[in-house]
């Protein structure tokens, strides 16, 4: 359902459009220290008009501001533009500068990972991305299983590949898989890695058939299989549903492996592993390297992937009728 909004006062008065939603309010708001909802809404409108993702754009802007505040990004590199937290006009202006690659926007236009490589000076410690994709509004220092969801996602640190946040934060078992209860988000439980893998498989099928994840999680595998049967004429069972998701996910991992993605790339920004949360119910917590590696071991085990490299084993590929990929991954 489309949500139409309008800015009714201030310098952007009269602008209308869709959103902003939760993630957008976080990246252009909290992450940038901006409390002006009009500015957040205008930045969202511009992203929609210019074809920019609000999570990546807002998070990259927040990263740039922090680099400027730390003296890593210099006034010379920004053409004299002062980057500071809490500046609503700056956030809106930077969206257009990024889209047009004007001024400092040219440095930010390809996202956090490319930007940090140009900066260096330890900026990778607080560059909030996984595999080049900026992170959404869930901190795995508290919600440990979300950290696994970020690193296991084939496209990088997004929150929707597995949507593990659903059973983590709202204690809602998702009908699409057989088991999706996260007992305590503050505690690392490697057995819960199976929930991540199962949700990835199921939601990958929903993506493939053009289904909405937020609606699909309220259905059972049997119900979705029935809908696919009705739409295609194929006799599609719940087992076909699960197997299809597993095959697609392994195929995507094989593609990623060809491009150099392996266990080493399945990691989090150092800030999340070494800098404790400063306040709140999870004050003092991190998701340390040992915890993350334990979750990865369990996840790879459930997937049938090699523990050293985090890649589908020949046996797994054969079971999934993907044995033609063995040569590409393993060279044998």
C-alpha atoms as a PDB file:
ATOM      1  CA  UNK A   1       0.000   0.000   0.000  1.00  0.00           C
ATOM      2  CA  UNK A   2       1.402   3.383  -1.000  1.00  0.00           C
ATOM      3  CA  UNK A   3       1.750   5.971   1.760  1.00  0.00           C
ATOM      4  CA  UNK A   4       1.429   9.529   0.437  1.00  0.00           C
ATOM      5  CA  UNK A   5       2.941  12.308   2.544  1.00  0.00           C
ATOM      6  CA  UNK A   6       3.345  16.055   2.174  1.00  0.00           C
ATOM      7  CA  UNK A   7       5.676  18.617   3.720  1.00  0.00           C
ATOM      8  CA  UNK A   8       3.343  21.356   4.963  1.00  0.00           C
ATOM      9  CA  UNK A   9       5.749  23.953   6.332  1.00  0.00           C
ATOM     10  CA  UNK A  10       9.256  25.316   5.985  1.00  0.00           C
ATOM     11  CA  UNK A  11      11.573  25.638   2.994  1.00  0.00           C
ATOM     12  CA  UNK A  12      10.417  22.374   1.374  1.00  0.00           C
ATOM     13  CA  UNK A  13       6.707  23.096   1.835  1.00  0.00           C
ATOM     14  CA  UNK A  14       4.450  21.615  -0.830  1.00  0.00           C
ATOM     15  CA  UNK A  15       6.657  18.670  -1.745  1.00  0.00           C
ATOM     16  CA  UNK A  16       4.755  15.388  -1.796  1.00  0.00           C
ATOM     17  CA  UNK A  17       5.656  11.756  -2.207  1.00  0.00           C
ATOM     18  CA  UNK A  18       5.896   8.292  -0.753  1.00  0.00           C
ATOM     19  CA  UNK A  19       7.383   7.598   2.670  1.00  0.00           C
ATOM     20  CA  UNK A  20       9.637   8.008   4.553  1.00  0.00           C
ATOM     21  CA  UNK A  21       9.611   4.641   6.318  1.00  0.00           C
ATOM     22  CA  UNK A  22      11.535   3.279   9.296  1.00  0.00           C
ATOM     23  CA  UNK A  23      14.940   2.669   7.703  1.00  0.00           C
ATOM     24  CA  UNK A  24      14.925   6.047   5.986  1.00  0.00           C
ATOM     25  CA  UNK A  25      14.070   7.846   9.213  1.00  0.00           C
ATOM     26  CA  UNK A  26      16.998   6.065  10.841  1.00  0.00           C
ATOM     27  CA  UNK A  27      19.668   6.712   8.226  1.00  0.00           C
ATOM     28  CA  UNK A  28      18.840  10.348   7.439  1.00  0.00           C
ATOM     29  CA  UNK A  29      17.660  10.999  10.985  1.00  0.00           C
ATOM     30  CA  UNK A  30      19.342   9.234  13.894  1.00  0.00           C
ATOM     31  CA  UNK A  31      22.521   8.280  12.039  1.00  0.00           C
ATOM     32  CA  UNK A  32      23.059  11.834  10.833  1.00  0.00           C
ATOM     33  CA  UNK A  33      21.892  13.405  14.097  1.00  0.00           C
ATOM     34  CA  UNK A  34      18.980  15.108  12.323  1.00  0.00           C
ATOM     35  CA  UNK A  35      15.673  15.546  14.172  1.00  0.00           C
ATOM     36  CA  UNK A  36      13.940  17.656  11.513  1.00  0.00           C
ATOM     37  CA  UNK A  37      11.297  15.357  10.004  1.00  0.00           C
ATOM     38  CA  UNK A  38      10.808  17.733   7.077  1.00  0.00           C
ATOM     39  CA  UNK A  39      14.467  17.337   6.082  1.00  0.00           C
ATOM     40  CA  UNK A  40      14.298  13.558   6.479  1.00  0.00           C
ATOM     41  CA  UNK A  41      11.174  13.463   4.333  1.00  0.00           C
ATOM     42  CA  UNK A  42      12.703  15.709   1.661  1.00  0.00           C
ATOM     43  CA  UNK A  43      15.860  13.589   1.519  1.00  0.00           C
ATOM     44  CA  UNK A  44      13.604  10.571   1.048  1.00  0.00           C
ATOM     45  CA  UNK A  45      11.667  12.252  -1.784  1.00  0.00           C
ATOM     46  CA  UNK A  46      14.917  13.115  -3.541  1.00  0.00           C
ATOM     47  CA  UNK A  47      16.219   9.560  -3.263  1.00  0.00           C
ATOM     48  CA  UNK A  48      12.984   8.270  -4.777  1.00  0.00           C
ATOM     49  CA  UNK A  49      13.207  10.784  -7.628  1.00  0.00           C
ATOM     50  CA  UNK A  50      16.916  10.276  -8.284  1.00  0.00           C
ATOM     51  CA  UNK A  51      17.018   6.491  -7.971  1.00  0.00           C
ATOM     52  CA  UNK A  52      19.090   6.277  -4.774  1.00  0.00           C
ATOM     53  CA  UNK A  53      18.668   3.761  -1.979  1.00  0.00           C
ATOM     54  CA  UNK A  54      17.878   5.556   1.270  1.00  0.00           C
ATOM     55  CA  UNK A  55      19.792   3.139   3.524  1.00  0.00           C
ATOM     56  CA  UNK A  56      23.009   3.281   1.491  1.00  0.00           C
ATOM     57  CA  UNK A  57      22.744   7.019   0.869  1.00  0.00           C
ATOM     58  CA  UNK A  58      21.975   7.994   4.456  1.00  0.00           C
ATOM     59  CA  UNK A  59      24.574   5.632   5.929  1.00  0.00           C
ATOM     60  CA  UNK A  60      27.253   6.862   3.530  1.00  0.00           C
ATOM     61  CA  UNK A  61      26.471  10.469   4.451  1.00  0.00           C
ATOM     62  CA  UNK A  62      26.706   9.589   8.161  1.00  0.00           C
ATOM     63  CA  UNK A  63      30.064   7.899   7.523  1.00  0.00           C
ATOM     64  CA  UNK A  64      31.322  10.989   5.687  1.00  0.00           C
ATOM     65  CA  UNK A  65      30.252  13.259   8.537  1.00  0.00           C
ATOM     66  CA  UNK A  66      32.078  11.109  11.079  1.00  0.00           C
ATOM     67  CA  UNK A  67      35.204  11.071   8.912  1.00  0.00           C
ATOM     68  CA  UNK A  68      35.060  14.869   8.676  1.00  0.00           C
ATOM     69  CA  UNK A  69      34.573  15.248  12.422  1.00  0.00           C
ATOM     70  CA  UNK A  70      37.601  13.008  13.011  1.00  0.00           C
ATOM     71  CA  UNK A  71      39.776  15.002  10.596  1.00  0.00           C
ATOM     72  CA  UNK A  72      40.070  12.134   8.114  1.00  0.00           C
ATOM     73  CA  UNK A  73      37.983  13.880   5.463  1.00  0.00           C
ATOM     74  CA  UNK A  74      39.402  17.370   5.041  1.00  0.00           C
ATOM     75  CA  UNK A  75      37.845  20.734   4.091  1.00  0.00           C
ATOM     76  CA  UNK A  76      39.965  20.603   0.948  1.00  0.00           C
ATOM     77  CA  UNK A  77      38.248  17.369  -0.092  1.00  0.00           C
ATOM     78  CA  UNK A  78      34.799  18.827   0.610  1.00  0.00           C
ATOM     79  CA  UNK A  79      35.508  22.086  -1.244  1.00  0.00           C
ATOM     80  CA  UNK A  80      35.069  23.948   2.022  1.00  0.00           C
ATOM     81  CA  UNK A  81      31.712  22.389   2.860  1.00  0.00           C
ATOM     82  CA  UNK A  82      31.465  21.740   6.610  1.00  0.00           C
ATOM     83  CA  UNK A  83      30.072  18.300   7.430  1.00  0.00           C
ATOM     84  CA  UNK A  84      28.528  18.112  10.855  1.00  0.00           C
ATOM     85  CA  UNK A  85      25.942  15.985  12.611  1.00  0.00           C
ATOM     86  CA  UNK A  86      22.538  17.552  13.165  1.00  0.00           C
ATOM     87  CA  UNK A  87      22.542  19.722  10.020  1.00  0.00           C
ATOM     88  CA  UNK A  88      19.239  19.108   8.155  1.00  0.00           C
ATOM     89  CA  UNK A  89      20.130  21.259   5.128  1.00  0.00           C
ATOM     90  CA  UNK A  90      23.412  19.402   4.684  1.00  0.00           C
ATOM     91  CA  UNK A  91      21.713  16.011   4.477  1.00  0.00           C
ATOM     92  CA  UNK A  92      19.237  17.172   1.840  1.00  0.00           C
ATOM     93  CA  UNK A  93      21.937  18.952  -0.176  1.00  0.00           C
ATOM     94  CA  UNK A  94      24.257  15.941  -0.129  1.00  0.00           C
ATOM     95  CA  UNK A  95      21.597  13.682  -1.646  1.00  0.00           C
ATOM     96  CA  UNK A  96      21.533  15.829  -4.785  1.00  0.00           C
ATOM     97  CA  UNK A  97      25.313  16.215  -4.788  1.00  0.00           C
ATOM     98  CA  UNK A  98      25.731  12.441  -4.660  1.00  0.00           C
ATOM     99  CA  UNK A  99      23.266  11.873  -7.504  1.00  0.00           C
ATOM    100  CA  UNK A 100      24.980  14.507  -9.673  1.00  0.00           C
ATOM    101  CA  UNK A 101      28.502  13.637  -8.459  1.00  0.00           C
ATOM    102  CA  UNK A 102      29.077  17.267  -7.595  1.00  0.00           C
ATOM    103  CA  UNK A 103      31.740  18.389  -5.115  1.00  0.00           C
ATOM    104  CA  UNK A 104      32.186  15.972  -2.231  1.00  0.00           C
ATOM    105  CA  UNK A 105      29.213  14.050  -3.635  1.00  0.00           C
ATOM    106  CA  UNK A 106      31.586  12.568  -6.182  1.00  0.00           C
ATOM    107  CA  UNK A 107      33.564  10.932  -3.369  1.00  0.00           C
ATOM    108  CA  UNK A 108      30.410   9.534  -1.753  1.00  0.00           C
ATOM    109  CA  UNK A 109      28.609   8.425  -4.910  1.00  0.00           C
ATOM    110  CA  UNK A 110      29.860   4.831  -4.957  1.00  0.00           C
ATOM    111  CA  UNK A 111      29.115   4.127  -1.325  1.00  0.00           C
ATOM    112  CA  UNK A 112      30.974   3.534   1.896  1.00  0.00           C
ATOM    113  CA  UNK A 113      33.378   0.783   0.780  1.00  0.00           C
ATOM    114  CA  UNK A 114      34.745   2.661  -2.226  1.00  0.00           C
ATOM    115  CA  UNK A 115      34.839   5.911  -0.249  1.00  0.00           C
ATOM    116  CA  UNK A 116      36.827   4.426   2.642  1.00  0.00           C
ATOM    117  CA  UNK A 117      39.444   3.012   0.265  1.00  0.00           C
ATOM    118  CA  UNK A 118      40.124   6.549  -0.887  1.00  0.00           C
ATOM    119  CA  UNK A 119      40.328   7.822   2.699  1.00  0.00           C
ATOM    120  CA  UNK A 120      42.184   5.093   4.600  1.00  0.00           C
ATOM    121  CA  UNK A 121      43.555   6.333   7.942  1.00  0.00           C
ATOM    122  CA  UNK A 122      41.664   3.689   9.927  1.00  0.00           C
ATOM    123  CA  UNK A 123      38.257   4.694   8.607  1.00  0.00           C
ATOM    124  CA  UNK A 124      37.410   1.035   7.940  1.00  0.00           C
ATOM    125  CA  UNK A 125      36.893   0.581  11.682  1.00  0.00           C
ATOM    126  CA  UNK A 126      33.649   2.574  11.638  1.00  0.00           C
ATOM    127  CA  UNK A 127      32.603   2.043   8.019  1.00  0.00           C
ATOM    128  CA  UNK A 128      29.242   0.366   8.509  1.00  0.00           C
ATOM    129  CA  UNK A 129      28.971  -2.038   5.597  1.00  0.00           C
ATOM    130  CA  UNK A 130      29.245  -5.752   4.851  1.00  0.00           C
ATOM    131  CA  UNK A 131      30.522  -6.735   1.400  1.00  0.00           C
ATOM    132  CA  UNK A 132      29.968  -3.176   0.258  1.00  0.00           C
ATOM    133  CA  UNK A 133      26.331  -2.868   1.343  1.00  0.00           C
ATOM    134  CA  UNK A 134      25.570  -0.355   4.093  1.00  0.00           C
ATOM    135  CA  UNK A 135      23.887  -1.692   7.222  1.00  0.00           C
ATOM    136  CA  UNK A 136      20.288  -1.031   8.292  1.00  0.00           C
ATOM    137  CA  UNK A 137      18.960  -0.060  11.719  1.00  0.00           C
ATOM    138  CA  UNK A 138      19.623  -3.215  13.752  1.00  0.00           C
ATOM    139  CA  UNK A 139      22.715  -3.424  15.926  1.00  0.00           C
ATOM    140  CA  UNK A 140      24.131  -6.959  16.232  1.00  0.00           C
ATOM    141  CA  UNK A 141      26.053  -6.007  19.344  1.00  0.00           C
ATOM    142  CA  UNK A 142      22.698  -6.493  21.039  1.00  0.00           C
ATOM    143  CA  UNK A 143      20.778  -8.666  18.558  1.00  0.00           C
ATOM    144  CA  UNK A 144      23.532 -11.204  17.943  1.00  0.00           C
ATOM    145  CA  UNK A 145      21.703 -13.303  15.349  1.00  0.00           C
ATOM    146  CA  UNK A 146      21.260 -10.209  13.151  1.00  0.00           C
ATOM    147  CA  UNK A 147      25.029 -10.152  12.752  1.00  0.00           C
ATOM    148  CA  UNK A 148      24.898 -13.594  11.197  1.00  0.00           C
ATOM    149  CA  UNK A 149      22.099 -12.445   8.894  1.00  0.00           C
ATOM    150  CA  UNK A 150      24.279  -9.577   7.680  1.00  0.00           C
ATOM    151  CA  UNK A 151      27.346 -11.679   6.922  1.00  0.00           C
ATOM    152  CA  UNK A 152      25.515 -14.631   5.361  1.00  0.00           C
ATOM    153  CA  UNK A 153      23.466 -12.537   2.933  1.00  0.00           C
ATOM    154  CA  UNK A 154      24.822 -13.014  -0.567  1.00  0.00           C
ATOM    155  CA  UNK A 155      24.276  -9.370  -1.499  1.00  0.00           C
ATOM    156  CA  UNK A 156      25.901  -7.998   1.660  1.00  0.00           C
ATOM    157  CA  UNK A 157      24.669  -6.595   4.947  1.00  0.00           C
ATOM    158  CA  UNK A 158      20.960  -6.234   4.370  1.00  0.00           C
ATOM    159  CA  UNK A 159      18.135  -7.019   6.781  1.00  0.00           C
ATOM    160  CA  UNK A 160      15.663  -8.591   4.410  1.00  0.00           C
ATOM    161  CA  UNK A 161      17.437 -11.613   2.883  1.00  0.00           C
ATOM    162  CA  UNK A 162      16.553 -13.657   5.967  1.00  0.00           C
ATOM    163  CA  UNK A 163      14.400 -11.088   7.791  1.00  0.00           C
ATOM    164  CA  UNK A 164      15.708 -12.582  11.018  1.00  0.00           C
ATOM    165  CA  UNK A 165      14.704  -9.312  12.688  1.00  0.00           C
ATOM    166  CA  UNK A 166      11.075 -10.468  12.636  1.00  0.00           C
ATOM    167  CA  UNK A 167      11.354 -13.332  15.127  1.00  0.00           C
ATOM    168  CA  UNK A 168      14.175 -11.502  16.955  1.00  0.00           C
ATOM    169  CA  UNK A 169      12.365  -8.284  17.855  1.00  0.00           C
ATOM    170  CA  UNK A 170       8.665  -9.019  17.799  1.00  0.00           C
ATOM    171  CA  UNK A 171       8.730 -12.619  19.045  1.00  0.00           C
ATOM    172  CA  UNK A 172       6.583 -13.703  16.120  1.00  0.00           C
ATOM    173  CA  UNK A 173       7.112 -17.230  14.794  1.00  0.00           C
ATOM    174  CA  UNK A 174       7.119 -16.944  10.997  1.00  0.00           C
ATOM    175  CA  UNK A 175       4.841 -19.567   9.471  1.00  0.00           C
ATOM    176  CA  UNK A 176       6.894 -19.797   6.296  1.00  0.00           C
ATOM    177  CA  UNK A 177       9.441 -22.032   8.059  1.00  0.00           C
ATOM    178  CA  UNK A 178       9.001 -24.824  10.569  1.00  0.00           C
ATOM    179  CA  UNK A 179      10.811 -23.117  13.446  1.00  0.00           C
ATOM    180  CA  UNK A 180      11.631 -19.429  13.896  1.00  0.00           C
ATOM    181  CA  UNK A 181      11.792 -18.683  17.615  1.00  0.00           C
ATOM    182  CA  UNK A 182      14.780 -16.627  18.763  1.00  0.00           C
ATOM    183  CA  UNK A 183      14.975 -17.240  22.496  1.00  0.00           C
ATOM    184  CA  UNK A 184      17.210 -14.390  23.649  1.00  0.00           C
ATOM    185  CA  UNK A 185      18.695 -11.855  21.186  1.00  0.00           C
ATOM    186  CA  UNK A 186      21.412 -10.906  23.688  1.00  0.00           C
ATOM    187  CA  UNK A 187      22.796 -14.461  23.779  1.00  0.00           C
ATOM    188  CA  UNK A 188      24.736 -16.225  21.023  1.00  0.00           C
ATOM    189  CA  UNK A 189      23.043 -19.534  20.263  1.00  0.00           C
ATOM    190  CA  UNK A 190      24.661 -21.334  17.284  1.00  0.00           C
ATOM    191  CA  UNK A 191      21.650 -23.627  16.930  1.00  0.00           C
ATOM    192  CA  UNK A 192      19.603 -20.609  15.850  1.00  0.00           C
ATOM    193  CA  UNK A 193      21.809 -20.318  12.755  1.00  0.00           C
ATOM    194  CA  UNK A 194      19.470 -22.861  11.172  1.00  0.00           C
ATOM    195  CA  UNK A 195      16.625 -20.339  11.417  1.00  0.00           C
ATOM    196  CA  UNK A 196      18.674 -17.874   9.362  1.00  0.00           C
ATOM    197  CA  UNK A 197      19.364 -20.491   6.683  1.00  0.00           C
ATOM    198  CA  UNK A 198      15.748 -21.670   6.577  1.00  0.00           C
ATOM    199  CA  UNK A 199      14.398 -18.121   6.272  1.00  0.00           C
ATOM    200  CA  UNK A 200      16.923 -17.291   3.559  1.00  0.00           C
ATOM    201  CA  UNK A 201      15.765 -20.310   1.560  1.00  0.00           C
ATOM    202  CA  UNK A 202      12.075 -19.545   1.984  1.00  0.00           C
ATOM    203  CA  UNK A 203      12.282 -15.833   1.290  1.00  0.00           C
ATOM    204  CA  UNK A 204      14.499 -16.438  -1.744  1.00  0.00           C
ATOM    205  CA  UNK A 205      11.624 -18.365  -3.308  1.00  0.00           C
ATOM    206  CA  UNK A 206       9.235 -15.516  -2.542  1.00  0.00           C
ATOM    207  CA  UNK A 207      11.637 -13.153  -4.300  1.00  0.00           C
ATOM    208  CA  UNK A 208      11.768 -15.485  -7.281  1.00  0.00           C
ATOM    209  CA  UNK A 209       7.991 -15.614  -7.732  1.00  0.00           C
ATOM    210  CA  UNK A 210       7.559 -11.894  -7.157  1.00  0.00           C
ATOM    211  CA  UNK A 211       5.904 -12.288  -3.778  1.00  0.00           C
ATOM    212  CA  UNK A 212       5.920  -9.800  -0.911  1.00  0.00           C
ATOM    213  CA  UNK A 213       8.049 -10.986   1.988  1.00  0.00           C
ATOM    214  CA  UNK A 214       6.070  -9.113   4.614  1.00  0.00           C
ATOM    215  CA  UNK A 215       2.906 -10.879   3.547  1.00  0.00           C
ATOM    216  CA  UNK A 216       4.564 -14.174   2.678  1.00  0.00           C
ATOM    217  CA  UNK A 217       5.970 -14.738   6.155  1.00  0.00           C
ATOM    218  CA  UNK A 218       2.390 -15.016   7.406  1.00  0.00           C
ATOM    219  CA  UNK A 219       1.747 -18.042   5.194  1.00  0.00           C
ATOM    220  CA  UNK A 220       2.904 -21.620   5.578  1.00  0.00           C
ATOM    221  CA  UNK A 221       5.159 -23.335   3.076  1.00  0.00           C
ATOM    222  CA  UNK A 222       2.210 -25.517   2.093  1.00  0.00           C
ATOM    223  CA  UNK A 223       0.060 -22.466   1.361  1.00  0.00           C
ATOM    224  CA  UNK A 224       2.723 -20.812  -0.787  1.00  0.00           C
ATOM    225  CA  UNK A 225       3.362 -24.073  -2.646  1.00  0.00           C
ATOM    226  CA  UNK A 226      -0.380 -24.249  -3.345  1.00  0.00           C
ATOM    227  CA  UNK A 227      -0.370 -20.712  -4.733  1.00  0.00           C
ATOM    228  CA  UNK A 228       2.577 -21.543  -7.016  1.00  0.00           C
ATOM    229  CA  UNK A 229       0.743 -24.650  -8.234  1.00  0.00           C
ATOM    230  CA  UNK A 230      -2.371 -22.613  -8.970  1.00  0.00           C
ATOM    231  CA  UNK A 231      -0.430 -19.903 -10.797  1.00  0.00           C
ATOM    232  CA  UNK A 232       1.807 -22.168 -12.907  1.00  0.00           C
ATOM    233  CA  UNK A 233      -0.015 -25.480 -13.249  1.00  0.00           C
ATOM    234  CA  UNK A 234       3.031 -27.271 -11.825  1.00  0.00           C
ATOM    235  CA  UNK A 235       2.488 -29.724  -9.011  1.00  0.00           C
ATOM    236  CA  UNK A 236       4.569 -27.791  -6.485  1.00  0.00           C
ATOM    237  CA  UNK A 237       4.859 -29.192  -2.943  1.00  0.00           C
ATOM    238  CA  UNK A 238       6.173 -27.733   0.292  1.00  0.00           C
ATOM    239  CA  UNK A 239       9.268 -29.892  -0.163  1.00  0.00           C
ATOM    240  CA  UNK A 240       9.747 -28.424  -3.649  1.00  0.00           C
ATOM    241  CA  UNK A 241       9.414 -24.982  -2.055  1.00  0.00           C
ATOM    242  CA  UNK A 242      12.186 -25.651   0.470  1.00  0.00           C
ATOM    243  CA  UNK A 243      14.476 -27.382  -2.037  1.00  0.00           C
ATOM    244  CA  UNK A 244      14.085 -24.592  -4.591  1.00  0.00           C
ATOM    245  CA  UNK A 245      15.146 -21.978  -2.056  1.00  0.00           C
ATOM    246  CA  UNK A 246      18.167 -24.017  -1.042  1.00  0.00           C
ATOM    247  CA  UNK A 247      19.213 -24.517  -4.670  1.00  0.00           C
ATOM    248  CA  UNK A 248      18.876 -20.819  -5.499  1.00  0.00           C
ATOM    249  CA  UNK A 249      20.817 -19.778  -2.407  1.00  0.00           C
ATOM    250  CA  UNK A 250      23.659 -22.181  -3.145  1.00  0.00           C
ATOM    251  CA  UNK A 251      23.739 -21.045  -6.768  1.00  0.00           C
ATOM    252  CA  UNK A 252      24.082 -17.431  -5.601  1.00  0.00           C
ATOM    253  CA  UNK A 253      26.870 -18.409  -3.209  1.00  0.00           C
ATOM    254  CA  UNK A 254      28.652 -20.201  -6.051  1.00  0.00           C
ATOM    255  CA  UNK A 255      28.456 -17.026  -8.127  1.00  0.00           C
ATOM    256  CA  UNK A 256      29.822 -15.037  -5.181  1.00  0.00           C
ATOM    257  CA  UNK A 257      32.640 -17.572  -4.737  1.00  0.00           C
ATOM    258  CA  UNK A 258      33.630 -17.069  -8.359  1.00  0.00           C
ATOM    259  CA  UNK A 259      33.884 -13.338  -7.604  1.00  0.00           C
ATOM    260  CA  UNK A 260      36.122 -13.938  -4.569  1.00  0.00           C
ATOM    261  CA  UNK A 261      33.559 -14.049  -1.739  1.00  0.00           C
ATOM    262  CA  UNK A 262      34.320 -16.650   0.924  1.00  0.00           C
ATOM    263  CA  UNK A 263      34.405 -17.079   4.691  1.00  0.00           C
ATOM    264  CA  UNK A 264      36.869 -14.222   5.090  1.00  0.00           C
ATOM    265  CA  UNK A 265      34.398 -11.823   3.468  1.00  0.00           C
ATOM    266  CA  UNK A 266      31.620 -12.943   5.826  1.00  0.00           C
ATOM    267  CA  UNK A 267      32.519 -10.488   8.553  1.00  0.00           C
ATOM    268  CA  UNK A 268      31.261  -7.372  10.328  1.00  0.00           C
ATOM    269  CA  UNK A 269      32.686  -3.861  10.720  1.00  0.00           C
ATOM    270  CA  UNK A 270      35.296  -3.780  13.519  1.00  0.00           C
ATOM    271  CA  UNK A 271      33.222  -1.236  15.474  1.00  0.00           C
ATOM    272  CA  UNK A 272      30.536  -3.865  16.069  1.00  0.00           C
ATOM    273  CA  UNK A 273      33.048  -6.418  17.295  1.00  0.00           C
ATOM    274  CA  UNK A 274      35.320  -4.226  19.397  1.00  0.00           C
ATOM    275  CA  UNK A 275      33.474  -1.056  20.473  1.00  0.00           C
ATOM    276  CA  UNK A 276      30.906  -1.778  23.217  1.00  0.00           C
ATOM    277  CA  UNK A 277      27.454  -0.238  23.053  1.00  0.00           C
ATOM    278  CA  UNK A 278      27.639   2.919  25.175  1.00  0.00           C
ATOM    279  CA  UNK A 279      24.142   2.838  26.660  1.00  0.00           C
ATOM    280  CA  UNK A 280      20.777   1.136  26.793  1.00  0.00           C
ATOM    281  CA  UNK A 281      19.730  -2.366  27.808  1.00  0.00           C
ATOM    282  CA  UNK A 282      22.697  -3.846  25.910  1.00  0.00           C
ATOM    283  CA  UNK A 283      25.238  -1.389  27.345  1.00  0.00           C
ATOM    284  CA  UNK A 284      28.772  -2.786  27.167  1.00  0.00           C
ATOM    285  CA  UNK A 285      27.930  -5.505  24.640  1.00  0.00           C
ATOM    286  CA  UNK A 286      29.750  -6.378  21.429  1.00  0.00           C
ATOM    287  CA  UNK A 287      29.422  -9.295  19.054  1.00  0.00           C
ATOM    288  CA  UNK A 288      32.978 -10.479  19.452  1.00  0.00           C
ATOM    289  CA  UNK A 289      34.923 -12.365  16.828  1.00  0.00           C
ATOM    290  CA  UNK A 290      34.657 -15.672  18.681  1.00  0.00           C
ATOM    291  CA  UNK A 291      30.853 -15.403  18.832  1.00  0.00           C
ATOM    292  CA  UNK A 292      30.601 -14.500  15.164  1.00  0.00           C
ATOM    293  CA  UNK A 293      32.850 -17.375  14.129  1.00  0.00           C
ATOM    294  CA  UNK A 294      30.774 -19.816  16.189  1.00  0.00           C
ATOM    295  CA  UNK A 295      27.607 -18.643  14.435  1.00  0.00           C
ATOM    296  CA  UNK A 296      29.295 -18.976  11.052  1.00  0.00           C
ATOM    297  CA  UNK A 297      30.516 -22.507  11.830  1.00  0.00           C
ATOM    298  CA  UNK A 298      26.986 -23.553  12.726  1.00  0.00           C
ATOM    299  CA  UNK A 299      25.485 -21.815   9.701  1.00  0.00           C
ATOM    300  CA  UNK A 300      27.945 -23.398   7.266  1.00  0.00           C
ATOM    301  CA  UNK A 301      27.283 -26.756   8.876  1.00  0.00           C
ATOM    302  CA  UNK A 302      23.522 -26.443   8.413  1.00  0.00           C
ATOM    303  CA  UNK A 303      24.068 -25.386   4.806  1.00  0.00           C
ATOM    304  CA  UNK A 304      26.523 -28.167   3.995  1.00  0.00           C
ATOM    305  CA  UNK A 305      29.310 -25.728   3.259  1.00  0.00           C
ATOM    306  CA  UNK A 306      33.029 -26.158   3.822  1.00  0.00           C
ATOM    307  CA  UNK A 307      34.022 -24.706   7.217  1.00  0.00           C
ATOM    308  CA  UNK A 308      37.407 -23.443   6.046  1.00  0.00           C
ATOM    309  CA  UNK A 309      36.214 -21.472   3.033  1.00  0.00           C
ATOM    310  CA  UNK A 310      32.470 -21.163   3.630  1.00  0.00           C
ATOM    311  CA  UNK A 311      31.652 -22.603   0.198  1.00  0.00           C
ATOM    312  CA  UNK A 312      29.184 -25.301  -0.880  1.00  0.00           C
ATOM    313  CA  UNK A 313      30.890 -28.682  -0.771  1.00  0.00           C
ATOM    314  CA  UNK A 314      30.891 -30.979  -3.827  1.00  0.00           C
ATOM    315  CA  UNK A 315      28.528 -33.279  -1.933  1.00  0.00           C
ATOM    316  CA  UNK A 316      26.048 -30.473  -1.321  1.00  0.00           C
ATOM    317  CA  UNK A 317      26.193 -29.369  -4.942  1.00  0.00           C
ATOM    318  CA  UNK A 318      25.578 -32.932  -6.115  1.00  0.00           C
ATOM    319  CA  UNK A 319      22.602 -33.327  -3.764  1.00  0.00           C
ATOM    320  CA  UNK A 320      21.063 -30.152  -5.176  1.00  0.00           C
ATOM    321  CA  UNK A 321      21.735 -31.122  -8.828  1.00  0.00           C
ATOM    322  CA  UNK A 322      24.249 -28.310  -9.067  1.00  0.00           C
ATOM    323  CA  UNK A 323      27.239 -30.547  -9.665  1.00  0.00           C
ATOM    324  CA  UNK A 324      28.113 -28.587 -12.828  1.00  0.00           C
ATOM    325  CA  UNK A 325      29.352 -25.870 -10.448  1.00  0.00           C
ATOM    326  CA  UNK A 326      31.936 -28.076  -8.736  1.00  0.00           C
ATOM    327  CA  UNK A 327      34.623 -27.248 -11.277  1.00  0.00           C
ATOM    328  CA  UNK A 328      34.009 -23.510 -10.938  1.00  0.00           C
ATOM    329  CA  UNK A 329      34.262 -23.560  -7.150  1.00  0.00           C
ATOM    330  CA  UNK A 330      36.720 -26.324  -6.392  1.00  0.00           C
ATOM    331  CA  UNK A 331      38.617 -26.750  -9.654  1.00  0.00           C
ATOM    332  CA  UNK A 332      38.084 -30.508  -9.701  1.00  0.00           C
END
